[in-house]
């Protein structure tokens, strides 16, 4: 028997996919940030140190947890290192979903957000997988996946995160960011 979906997970999936849409997901803004902060910041902090298996009890909880640990921090902590603090957990959850073949039956936007931690990863193996999976499941986002892959293939990291994470940028990295490679 599958575990019951937690109320926070139901609410986050509803807010993300029913109340918000592409303009909110990718344009963000203070209204979206305030909504996510008010409804999910406490949940993020309360659950952010739990092991991935606790969220891989059912498809909906896993999808909601990926949003909670990948997208919510990027909205709440924009331009700070804390925006990336839960990336490892989100990535582990994505791999768990893939291992369980839980992409089946999802809409393209749902698949896109399950796969997003692969695009956000600074590991080339994740980037390679990202290209294959976005091509198959979310082709509308493949251009973004390719541009992320190029940065990791070239630099081994995302240069636009360097200042935020206290890393020194090379001249080539500075030029890449100046040329628009900063999502």
Protein backbone atom coordinates (compact mmCIF):
# COMPACT_ATOMS: atom_id res chain seq x y z
CA UNK A 1 0.00 0.00 0.00
CA UNK A 2 1.33 3.44 -0.93
CA UNK A 3 1.89 5.97 1.81
CA UNK A 4 -0.62 8.79 2.13
CA UNK A 5 0.45 12.01 0.48
CA UNK A 6 1.36 14.59 3.11
CA UNK A 7 -0.72 17.82 3.21
CA UNK A 8 2.35 20.00 2.49
CA UNK A 9 3.06 17.93 -0.64
CA UNK A 10 -0.53 18.19 -1.92
CA UNK A 11 -0.50 21.93 -1.26
CA UNK A 12 2.84 22.53 -2.97
CA UNK A 13 1.82 20.58 -6.07
CA UNK A 14 -1.46 22.52 -6.20
CA UNK A 15 0.23 25.91 -5.78
CA UNK A 16 3.00 25.17 -8.28
CA UNK A 17 0.95 23.58 -11.04
CA UNK A 18 -2.52 25.10 -10.51
CA UNK A 19 -2.00 28.60 -9.07
CA UNK A 20 1.34 29.37 -10.70
CA UNK A 21 2.33 28.93 -14.31
CA UNK A 22 5.28 29.35 -16.67
CA UNK A 23 5.50 33.13 -16.23
CA UNK A 24 5.73 32.61 -12.46
CA UNK A 25 8.04 29.60 -12.66
CA UNK A 26 10.60 31.32 -14.85
CA UNK A 27 9.90 35.00 -14.24
CA UNK A 28 9.51 34.80 -10.51
CA UNK A 29 9.15 38.10 -8.77
CA UNK A 30 8.24 39.36 -5.35
CA UNK A 31 4.63 38.10 -5.47
CA UNK A 32 5.72 34.52 -6.21
CA UNK A 33 8.56 34.67 -3.70
CA UNK A 34 6.22 35.97 -0.99
CA UNK A 35 3.65 33.26 -1.68
CA UNK A 36 6.26 30.51 -1.53
CA UNK A 37 7.89 32.01 1.56
CA UNK A 38 4.59 32.29 3.42
CA UNK A 39 3.43 28.78 2.57
CA UNK A 40 6.59 26.67 2.32
CA UNK A 41 9.64 28.24 3.99
CA UNK A 42 8.96 26.57 7.34
CA UNK A 43 8.42 23.22 5.59
CA UNK A 44 11.69 23.62 3.69
CA UNK A 45 13.65 24.14 6.89
CA UNK A 46 11.78 21.47 8.85
CA UNK A 47 12.39 18.81 6.21
CA UNK A 48 15.63 19.87 4.58
CA UNK A 49 17.87 17.57 6.58
CA UNK A 50 15.85 14.38 6.09
CA UNK A 51 17.18 11.52 3.95
CA UNK A 52 15.83 11.15 0.40
CA UNK A 53 14.07 7.86 1.15
CA UNK A 54 11.62 9.68 3.42
CA UNK A 55 10.29 11.48 0.34
CA UNK A 56 10.35 8.53 -2.04
CA UNK A 57 7.32 6.84 -0.51
CA UNK A 58 5.00 7.79 -3.39
CA UNK A 59 5.09 9.72 -6.66
CA UNK A 60 3.35 12.87 -5.46
CA UNK A 61 5.45 13.30 -2.34
CA UNK A 62 8.61 12.77 -4.39
CA UNK A 63 7.55 15.38 -6.97
CA UNK A 64 6.61 17.87 -4.28
CA UNK A 65 9.90 17.31 -2.45
CA UNK A 66 11.86 17.98 -5.63
CA UNK A 67 10.04 21.29 -5.98
CA UNK A 68 10.56 22.04 -2.28
CA UNK A 69 14.32 21.47 -2.41
CA UNK A 70 15.10 22.68 -5.95
CA UNK A 71 12.68 25.45 -6.89
CA UNK A 72 11.51 26.91 -3.58
CA UNK A 73 15.02 27.84 -2.35
CA UNK A 74 15.81 29.51 -5.69
CA UNK A 75 12.82 31.76 -5.13
CA UNK A 76 13.26 32.37 -1.41
CA UNK A 77 17.00 32.89 -1.36
CA UNK A 78 17.69 34.38 -4.76
CA UNK A 79 21.27 35.64 -5.14
CA UNK A 80 22.52 33.84 -2.03
CA UNK A 81 24.34 30.58 -1.41
CA UNK A 82 21.27 29.30 0.42
CA UNK A 83 19.47 29.10 -2.96
CA UNK A 84 21.61 26.02 -3.70
CA UNK A 85 21.76 24.57 -0.18
CA UNK A 86 19.35 21.70 -0.88
CA UNK A 87 20.51 20.86 -4.43
CA UNK A 88 22.07 17.57 -3.35
CA UNK A 89 18.81 16.40 -1.80
CA UNK A 90 16.77 17.47 -4.82
CA UNK A 91 19.20 15.65 -7.11
CA UNK A 92 19.04 12.47 -5.02
CA UNK A 93 15.24 12.62 -5.22
CA UNK A 94 15.34 13.02 -8.99
CA UNK A 95 17.56 9.96 -9.28
CA UNK A 96 15.18 8.10 -6.95
CA UNK A 97 12.20 8.99 -9.14
CA UNK A 98 14.08 7.86 -12.24
CA UNK A 99 15.13 4.59 -10.57
CA UNK A 100 11.47 3.91 -9.77
CA UNK A 101 10.29 4.84 -13.30
CA UNK A 102 7.93 7.44 -11.85
CA UNK A 103 8.02 9.81 -14.84
CA UNK A 104 5.39 7.68 -16.55
CA UNK A 105 2.04 9.41 -16.77
CA UNK A 106 3.25 12.86 -15.81
CA UNK A 107 2.52 15.98 -17.83
CA UNK A 108 5.43 17.71 -19.58
CA UNK A 109 5.64 20.47 -16.96
CA UNK A 110 5.66 17.87 -14.18
CA UNK A 111 8.41 15.90 -15.91
CA UNK A 112 10.37 19.10 -16.52
CA UNK A 113 10.46 19.95 -12.82
CA UNK A 114 11.32 16.40 -11.78
CA UNK A 115 14.29 16.60 -14.16
CA UNK A 116 15.36 20.15 -13.27
CA UNK A 117 17.86 19.11 -10.55
CA UNK A 118 19.85 17.32 -13.26
CA UNK A 119 20.07 20.61 -15.17
CA UNK A 120 21.10 22.41 -11.99
CA UNK A 121 23.83 19.89 -11.15
CA UNK A 122 27.50 20.77 -11.61
CA UNK A 123 28.35 17.12 -12.38
CA UNK A 124 28.87 16.35 -16.07
CA UNK A 125 27.26 12.89 -15.72
CA UNK A 126 24.06 14.56 -14.49
CA UNK A 127 24.28 17.06 -17.33
CA UNK A 128 24.66 14.25 -19.89
CA UNK A 129 21.60 12.52 -18.43
CA UNK A 130 19.76 15.83 -18.42
CA UNK A 131 20.23 16.21 -22.17
CA UNK A 132 18.92 12.73 -22.89
CA UNK A 133 15.92 13.04 -20.61
CA UNK A 134 14.91 16.58 -21.57
CA UNK A 135 15.09 15.60 -25.26
CA UNK A 136 12.70 12.74 -24.57
CA UNK A 137 10.38 14.15 -21.90
CA UNK A 138 10.48 17.96 -22.01
CA UNK A 139 11.81 19.03 -25.42
CA UNK A 140 10.59 22.59 -24.91
CA UNK A 141 13.31 23.01 -22.29
CA UNK A 142 16.05 21.24 -24.21
CA UNK A 143 17.69 24.53 -25.25
CA UNK A 144 18.12 25.47 -21.59
CA UNK A 145 19.46 21.99 -20.81
CA UNK A 146 21.98 22.36 -23.61
CA UNK A 147 23.18 25.76 -22.40
CA UNK A 148 23.59 24.42 -18.85
CA UNK A 149 25.47 21.39 -20.21
CA UNK A 150 27.80 23.66 -22.20
CA UNK A 151 28.77 25.59 -19.08
CA UNK A 152 29.56 22.45 -17.10
CA UNK A 153 31.39 20.85 -20.03
CA UNK A 154 33.45 24.02 -20.44
CA UNK A 155 34.06 25.08 -16.83
CA UNK A 156 33.05 22.17 -14.59
CA UNK A 157 30.77 24.54 -12.68
CA UNK A 158 28.26 27.34 -13.24
CA UNK A 159 30.27 30.57 -13.32
CA UNK A 160 27.23 32.70 -12.47
CA UNK A 161 27.19 31.06 -9.03
CA UNK A 162 30.82 31.89 -8.27
CA UNK A 163 30.35 35.21 -6.47
CA UNK A 164 27.41 33.87 -4.47
CA UNK A 165 29.34 30.76 -3.45
CA UNK A 166 32.59 32.61 -2.72
CA UNK A 167 34.43 31.12 -5.69
CA UNK A 168 36.95 33.06 -7.75
CA UNK A 169 36.00 33.44 -11.42
CA UNK A 170 38.42 33.10 -14.29
CA UNK A 171 38.41 35.69 -17.06
CA UNK A 172 36.74 33.15 -19.38
CA UNK A 173 34.01 32.55 -16.79
CA UNK A 174 33.44 36.30 -16.39
CA UNK A 175 33.05 36.61 -20.17
CA UNK A 176 30.60 33.72 -20.27
CA UNK A 177 28.42 35.35 -17.60
CA UNK A 178 28.66 38.73 -19.38
CA UNK A 179 27.47 36.98 -22.55
CA UNK A 180 24.28 35.87 -20.85
CA UNK A 181 25.05 32.49 -19.32
CA UNK A 182 23.50 33.31 -15.97
CA UNK A 183 20.10 31.86 -15.47
